Amino acid sequence: MREKMAGGGRVGEAVCYYELLQVEKSSSLEEIKKAFRRQALLHHPDKHADRVEEATRMFQQLQEAYECLSNPQERSWYDAHRQQILGRGKAAEEGAACSRGTSVDLWVFFSPGCFSNFKDGDSESFWKVYGDVFATLTREEEEELRANGADAHLLERVAAIPELGSSTSPWTEVAAFYSFWSSFASLKSFAFADSWKISPQDSRAERRWLQKENEKLRRAKRKQFNDLVQRLVAAVKRRDPRVLQRSKELVRKREG
């Protein structure tokens, strides 16, 4: 009987890095290294000629898990947000609540299990899944700006936001996409963060104070949202085969 591939999971199913490498959350760096080597040998595509695509996908997930858990800063951030990413328990509910800057549950897309392949035109591909995420973020920026009567200059800025593209996009477009989204700064008002209701009966001093307090809350929520989007962009970039290919080409040029 053919052995079933471990890890992975169904498309859309959150994948835990610790479970992928089959280690405990308390594992040391050395234990994580050993686990990665063991799993990499077991799932290397060269050993699965009859299911190369599945093995390649699994191998990429293992590499991603190792790169995260072997980096102290990345591992610390992952541990702090693991429950939101996996969509488990109270932390997941709080994570969804804190990302109200969009209708999209961004935490879902930190998991490598949210897409199944890199085929252009496939509804479960990297390009479709993440392309839709960034298209939605762009559309929501435009919708709120229009609703708030933004001027033409701001609307032009949103219209120029780069799309993810496809596997055949030229590098100039890929670079433009990551340049913009890696420093994403939302233009939304974040008025939903307001905690103080301003009344016509309030004095001028009271209104100023309430407005100031509400603006603090908006800034905090905006920063939280921007940071989350930028984190997601970094995760997408690590998975993007165009970026990986570009890195290989630059190495060959340096060595040549």
Foldseek 3Di string as FASTA:
>chain_A
DDDDDPFQDAALQFGDLCRLLVHDLPDDLVVSVVSLVVSCVVLPLVVCVVCNLQSVLSNLLSVLSNVQCNDVVSSVVCVVQVCCLNVDDPSVVVQQVLQVVFPDSLSSLLGSRNARDQDPPDCRHLQNRVQVVVVRVLVVLLVQCVVVPHDPVVNVVSVPQQTCDHPPDDVVSNVSNLVDQLQDQGPHQQQVQQDDDDDPPDDPVRVVVSVVVSSVSSVVSRVVNSVSSNVSSVSSLSVRVVNVVVVVVVVVVVVD
